[in-house]
Amino acid sequence: MAPNVNVVLVHGAWADGSSWAKVIPLLQKRGYGVVGAQLPLTSIEDDVAATKKLLATVDGPVVLVGHSYGGAVITNAANGSPNVKALVYIAAFGLDEGESLDALSKQGPPPAGAAAVHPDANGFLWIDRNGFAKAFAADVDPAEASVMAAVQGPLSLRSFAGKSGPPAWKRLPSWYLVATNDQMIPPGAEEFMGKRMGATLRSVPSSHAAMVSHPKEVADLIALAADSLSK
């Protein structure tokens, strides 16, 4: 274990910081300092700002971890945050400069889970609660998936359409976990993004909610990144 390494966890859309509840104890048991962001999910700028504020409270080197839309957030939040030394993407968007979630989603056939996503009258995207488990968390305990559906954090259309700035993965070592049964981001797209950033790739037979259904594999990859900082 690398000494004095911190892990900052950034959740994605339709989730909140509690989505890391099973991963956090595993990382703490290994001796890492762990904190989790709570994103407003109102725009990529707002979410990056919230993450940077959290990063500023952490002393020592940081492994910055993002799930899903959180990948787009960490890609930008690491810029200007000198304590961030490594990036980890968990079934996440690794955007390049000028890209958006919206643009990437139009580059191929929509994933099956996209059919469960609907906008409301206030400019936010929700996953239909009755279809949440199948789309987002098919391998999660049904009772737990039901709770996740009930407390989901909707993603703003501004976040969905927001363009990325210069990606921090071009200058920082990165790791990427592909969820091979993902219904929200096509696994092939995940692999493409991971390879494009030159990340160390691993895969897990998981739904989109890999941190909930496969917390050990997620923690192991984060630890791999953290341990690299001492080499």
Protein backbone atom coordinates (compact mmCIF):
# COMPACT_ATOMS: atom_id res chain seq x y z
CA MET A 1 0.00 0.00 0.00
CA ALA A 2 1.27 3.48 -0.89
CA PRO A 3 1.60 5.57 2.31
CA ASN A 4 -0.69 8.57 2.86
CA VAL A 5 -2.61 8.03 -0.37
CA ASN A 6 -6.17 9.32 -0.52
CA VAL A 7 -9.03 8.15 -2.70
CA VAL A 8 -11.69 10.61 -3.82
CA LEU A 9 -14.80 8.92 -5.21
CA VAL A 10 -17.09 10.71 -7.66
CA HIS A 11 -20.51 9.20 -8.37
CA GLY A 12 -22.32 9.40 -11.67
CA ALA A 13 -25.81 10.22 -12.87
CA TRP A 14 -28.84 8.60 -11.22
CA ALA A 15 -26.79 7.96 -8.09
CA ASP A 16 -25.15 9.76 -5.18
CA GLY A 17 -22.15 9.30 -2.92
CA SER A 18 -23.78 6.37 -1.13
CA SER A 19 -23.34 4.28 -4.28
CA TRP A 20 -19.76 3.70 -3.04
CA ALA A 21 -20.94 2.33 0.32
CA LYS A 22 -19.52 -1.16 -0.28
CA VAL A 23 -16.23 0.08 -1.76
CA ILE A 24 -15.37 2.60 0.95
CA PRO A 25 -14.85 0.08 3.81
CA LEU A 26 -12.67 -2.09 1.58
CA LEU A 27 -10.43 0.86 0.79
CA GLN A 28 -10.35 2.05 4.40
CA LYS A 29 -9.35 -1.44 5.50
CA ARG A 30 -6.33 -1.13 3.22
CA GLY A 31 -5.37 2.10 4.96
CA TYR A 32 -6.35 4.70 2.39
CA GLY A 33 -8.05 7.94 3.28
CA VAL A 34 -11.40 7.96 1.49
CA VAL A 35 -13.92 10.71 0.78
CA GLY A 36 -16.85 10.80 -1.60
CA ALA A 37 -18.24 13.74 -3.54
CA GLN A 38 -21.90 14.70 -3.63
CA LEU A 39 -22.55 16.21 -7.06
CA PRO A 40 -25.45 18.55 -7.81
CA LEU A 41 -25.68 17.01 -11.33
CA THR A 42 -26.75 20.42 -12.63
CA SER A 43 -23.98 21.02 -15.18
CA ILE A 44 -20.52 19.67 -15.87
CA GLU A 45 -19.12 23.02 -14.67
CA ASP A 46 -21.04 22.83 -11.37
CA ASP A 47 -20.03 19.21 -10.82
CA VAL A 48 -16.37 19.88 -11.59
CA ALA A 49 -16.42 22.83 -9.19
CA ALA A 50 -17.93 20.70 -6.42
CA THR A 51 -15.26 18.04 -6.96
CA LYS A 52 -12.42 20.56 -6.99
CA LYS A 53 -13.66 22.04 -3.71
CA LEU A 54 -13.54 18.57 -2.16
CA LEU A 55 -10.08 17.89 -3.59
CA ALA A 56 -8.82 21.10 -2.00
CA THR A 57 -9.70 19.73 1.45
CA VAL A 58 -7.55 16.61 1.01
CA ASP A 59 -3.89 16.58 2.05
CA GLY A 60 -1.51 14.33 0.16
CA PRO A 61 -1.65 12.49 -3.15
CA VAL A 62 -5.05 11.56 -4.52
CA VAL A 63 -6.40 8.80 -6.71
CA LEU A 64 -9.49 10.36 -8.28
CA VAL A 65 -12.19 7.84 -9.19
CA GLY A 66 -15.28 8.37 -11.32
CA HIS A 67 -18.25 6.17 -12.14
CA SER A 68 -20.31 6.73 -15.29
CA TYR A 69 -20.88 10.49 -15.77
CA GLY A 70 -18.41 10.93 -12.90
CA GLY A 71 -15.72 9.99 -15.40
CA ALA A 72 -16.43 13.16 -17.34
CA VAL A 73 -16.22 15.09 -14.08
CA ILE A 74 -12.85 13.71 -12.95
CA THR A 75 -11.41 14.20 -16.45
CA ASN A 76 -11.87 17.94 -15.93
CA ALA A 77 -11.61 18.29 -12.14
CA ALA A 78 -8.07 16.89 -12.07
CA ASN A 79 -6.88 19.90 -14.07
CA GLY A 80 -5.64 22.55 -11.67
CA SER A 81 -5.75 20.08 -8.77
CA PRO A 82 -2.06 19.24 -8.28
CA ASN A 83 -2.68 16.62 -5.60
CA VAL A 84 -4.40 14.32 -8.13
CA LYS A 85 -1.81 11.78 -9.24
CA ALA A 86 -3.92 9.04 -10.88
CA LEU A 87 -7.36 8.55 -12.40
CA VAL A 88 -9.65 5.52 -12.22
CA TYR A 89 -12.71 5.10 -14.42
CA ILE A 90 -15.44 2.65 -13.40
CA ALA A 91 -17.73 2.00 -16.40
CA ALA A 92 -17.26 5.70 -17.03
CA PHE A 93 -17.12 8.34 -19.72
CA GLY A 94 -13.53 9.23 -20.61
CA LEU A 95 -14.27 12.25 -22.79
CA ASP A 96 -11.77 13.98 -25.03
CA GLU A 97 -11.69 17.76 -25.41
CA GLY A 98 -14.88 19.09 -27.00
CA GLU A 99 -16.81 15.83 -26.55
CA SER A 100 -20.05 15.45 -24.61
CA LEU A 101 -22.13 12.55 -23.36
CA ASP A 102 -24.77 13.58 -25.87
CA ALA A 103 -22.36 13.46 -28.82
CA LEU A 104 -20.90 10.10 -27.82
CA SER A 105 -24.36 8.59 -27.37
CA LYS A 106 -25.13 9.35 -31.01
CA GLN A 107 -22.09 7.56 -32.42
CA GLY A 108 -23.70 4.13 -32.33
CA PRO A 109 -26.96 2.35 -31.54
CA PRO A 110 -28.33 3.34 -28.13
CA PRO A 111 -27.75 0.86 -25.29
CA ALA A 112 -30.78 -1.05 -24.06
CA GLY A 113 -30.99 0.99 -20.86
CA ALA A 114 -31.45 4.25 -22.76
CA ALA A 115 -35.09 3.36 -23.35
CA ALA A 116 -35.74 3.77 -19.62
CA VAL A 117 -34.38 7.35 -19.52
CA HIS A 118 -36.93 10.18 -19.77
CA PRO A 119 -36.74 13.97 -19.38
CA ASP A 120 -38.97 15.90 -17.01
CA ALA A 121 -40.41 19.39 -17.44
CA ASN A 122 -37.51 20.97 -15.55
CA GLY A 123 -34.64 19.89 -17.78
CA PHE A 124 -33.55 16.76 -15.91
CA LEU A 125 -33.23 13.16 -17.07
CA TRP A 126 -34.61 10.33 -14.93
CA ILE A 127 -34.54 6.54 -15.20
CA ASP A 128 -38.05 5.13 -14.94
CA ARG A 129 -38.22 3.65 -11.44
CA ASN A 130 -39.91 0.48 -12.64
CA GLY A 131 -37.18 -0.08 -15.21
CA PHE A 132 -34.26 1.10 -13.09
CA ALA A 133 -33.03 -2.31 -11.93
CA LYS A 134 -32.94 -3.81 -15.42
CA ALA A 135 -31.28 -0.77 -16.99
CA PHE A 136 -28.83 0.25 -14.27
CA ALA A 137 -28.39 -2.49 -11.69
CA ALA A 138 -29.49 -5.85 -13.08
CA ASP A 139 -27.06 -7.83 -10.90
CA VAL A 140 -27.80 -5.92 -7.68
CA ASP A 141 -30.04 -7.37 -4.96
CA PRO A 142 -33.61 -6.37 -5.98
CA ALA A 143 -34.36 -4.67 -2.67
CA GLU A 144 -31.16 -2.65 -2.91
CA ALA A 145 -31.84 -1.77 -6.55
CA SER A 146 -35.30 -0.57 -5.53
CA VAL A 147 -33.76 1.80 -3.00
CA MET A 148 -31.30 3.06 -5.63
CA ALA A 149 -34.20 3.76 -7.97
CA ALA A 150 -36.09 5.64 -5.26
CA VAL A 151 -33.16 7.93 -4.35
CA GLN A 152 -31.67 8.38 -7.84
CA GLY A 153 -30.16 11.76 -8.61
CA PRO A 154 -31.45 12.99 -11.97
CA LEU A 155 -28.95 14.29 -14.52
CA SER A 156 -29.52 17.71 -16.04
CA LEU A 157 -29.75 18.08 -19.79
CA ARG A 158 -27.00 20.71 -19.38
CA SER A 159 -24.71 18.04 -17.95
CA PHE A 160 -25.62 15.62 -20.73
CA ALA A 161 -24.79 18.18 -23.41
CA GLY A 162 -21.84 19.86 -21.68
CA LYS A 163 -18.53 19.66 -23.53
CA SER A 164 -15.34 18.51 -21.89
CA GLY A 165 -12.25 20.64 -21.58
CA PRO A 166 -8.69 19.32 -21.98
CA PRO A 167 -8.67 15.77 -20.55
CA ALA A 168 -6.45 15.11 -17.57
CA TRP A 169 -5.98 11.50 -18.72
CA LYS A 170 -3.59 12.77 -21.37
CA ARG A 171 -1.08 13.62 -18.64
CA LEU A 172 -2.01 11.36 -15.72
CA PRO A 173 -1.79 7.56 -15.45
CA SER A 174 -5.24 6.02 -15.74
CA TRP A 175 -7.04 2.77 -14.99
CA TYR A 176 -10.36 1.65 -16.49
CA LEU A 177 -12.85 -1.03 -15.44
CA VAL A 178 -15.13 -2.24 -18.25
CA ALA A 179 -18.52 -3.59 -17.13
CA THR A 180 -19.17 -6.27 -19.74
CA ASN A 181 -22.93 -6.53 -19.04
CA ASP A 182 -23.53 -2.77 -18.95
CA GLN A 183 -26.91 -1.63 -20.31
CA MET A 184 -26.24 2.12 -19.92
CA ILE A 185 -22.88 2.50 -21.69
CA PRO A 186 -22.05 -0.09 -24.38
CA PRO A 187 -19.13 -2.22 -23.15
CA GLY A 188 -17.47 -1.73 -26.53
CA ALA A 189 -17.58 2.03 -26.01
CA GLU A 190 -16.07 1.62 -22.54
CA GLU A 191 -13.23 -0.44 -23.95
CA PHE A 192 -12.68 2.14 -26.71
CA MET A 193 -12.47 5.00 -24.21
CA GLY A 194 -10.14 3.05 -21.94
CA LYS A 195 -7.80 2.16 -24.77
CA ARG A 196 -7.88 5.69 -26.15
CA MET A 197 -6.65 7.11 -22.87
CA GLY A 198 -3.93 4.46 -22.63
CA ALA A 199 -5.43 3.19 -19.40
CA THR A 200 -4.66 -0.07 -17.66
CA LEU A 201 -7.79 -2.05 -18.55
CA ARG A 202 -9.62 -4.61 -16.46
CA SER A 203 -13.12 -6.04 -16.94
CA VAL A 204 -15.84 -7.44 -14.73
CA PRO A 205 -19.09 -9.25 -15.70
CA SER A 206 -21.23 -6.52 -14.20
CA SER A 207 -24.15 -4.22 -14.80
CA HIS A 208 -23.54 -0.47 -14.90
CA ALA A 209 -23.54 -0.42 -11.08
CA ALA A 210 -20.25 -2.29 -10.77
CA MET A 211 -19.31 -0.56 -7.51
CA VAL A 212 -22.47 -2.00 -5.92
CA SER A 213 -22.48 -5.51 -7.39
CA HIS A 214 -18.68 -6.06 -7.60
CA PRO A 215 -17.15 -3.84 -4.89
CA LYS A 216 -14.07 -6.03 -4.41
CA GLU A 217 -13.05 -5.82 -8.06
CA VAL A 218 -13.62 -2.06 -8.01
CA ALA A 219 -11.57 -1.65 -4.81
CA ASP A 220 -8.82 -3.86 -6.20
CA LEU A 221 -8.44 -1.67 -9.29
CA ILE A 222 -8.39 1.50 -7.20
CA ALA A 223 -5.74 -0.05 -4.96
CA LEU A 224 -3.70 -0.95 -8.02
CA ALA A 225 -3.68 2.70 -9.01
CA ALA A 226 -2.93 3.85 -5.46
CA ASP A 227 -0.07 1.41 -5.02
CA SER A 228 1.54 2.63 -8.25
CA LEU A 229 2.14 5.99 -6.63
CA SER A 230 4.81 4.53 -4.35
CA LYS A 231 6.83 3.04 -7.24
